[in-house]
């Protein structure tokens, strides 16, 4: 007896992808990331996002939070257009600013009200996972 498979025709898959909604967008992840940092007392952040997030993305438990972030390599290092766009959007909203692009120092301009509003949109589990990603960063 032949085994039945649930294979979706390519045209159906393309159609369904038009309605794809990630669990959390790259922008929303970064917004939450900086809110958690601010809540921890960090107002200046000096790290390389791509490497930290790429490391976290390799772990299954962070899959939902990071599914909208994709990496490319230019042969020398990895980068993410989604991270770059998210950072740019947060800068336009004046939620963060770059003090020194060469040193990659970011100043977090959040307030307690903004942080509380952002954190209220997420589950305790999501906030804990972002905290774990920050801890991965701190151990590098």
Foldseek 3Di string as FASTA:
>chain_A
DDDDDPDDPPVVVVVVVVVDDALAALLLLVLLLLLLCVVVVDFKDFDDVVVLLVVLCVDPLCVRVCVNWDWDDPPPDIDTPRNVVSVVVCVVVVQWDAPDPVRRMIGGNDDPVSSVVSVVVDDPSSSVSSVVSVVSRVVD
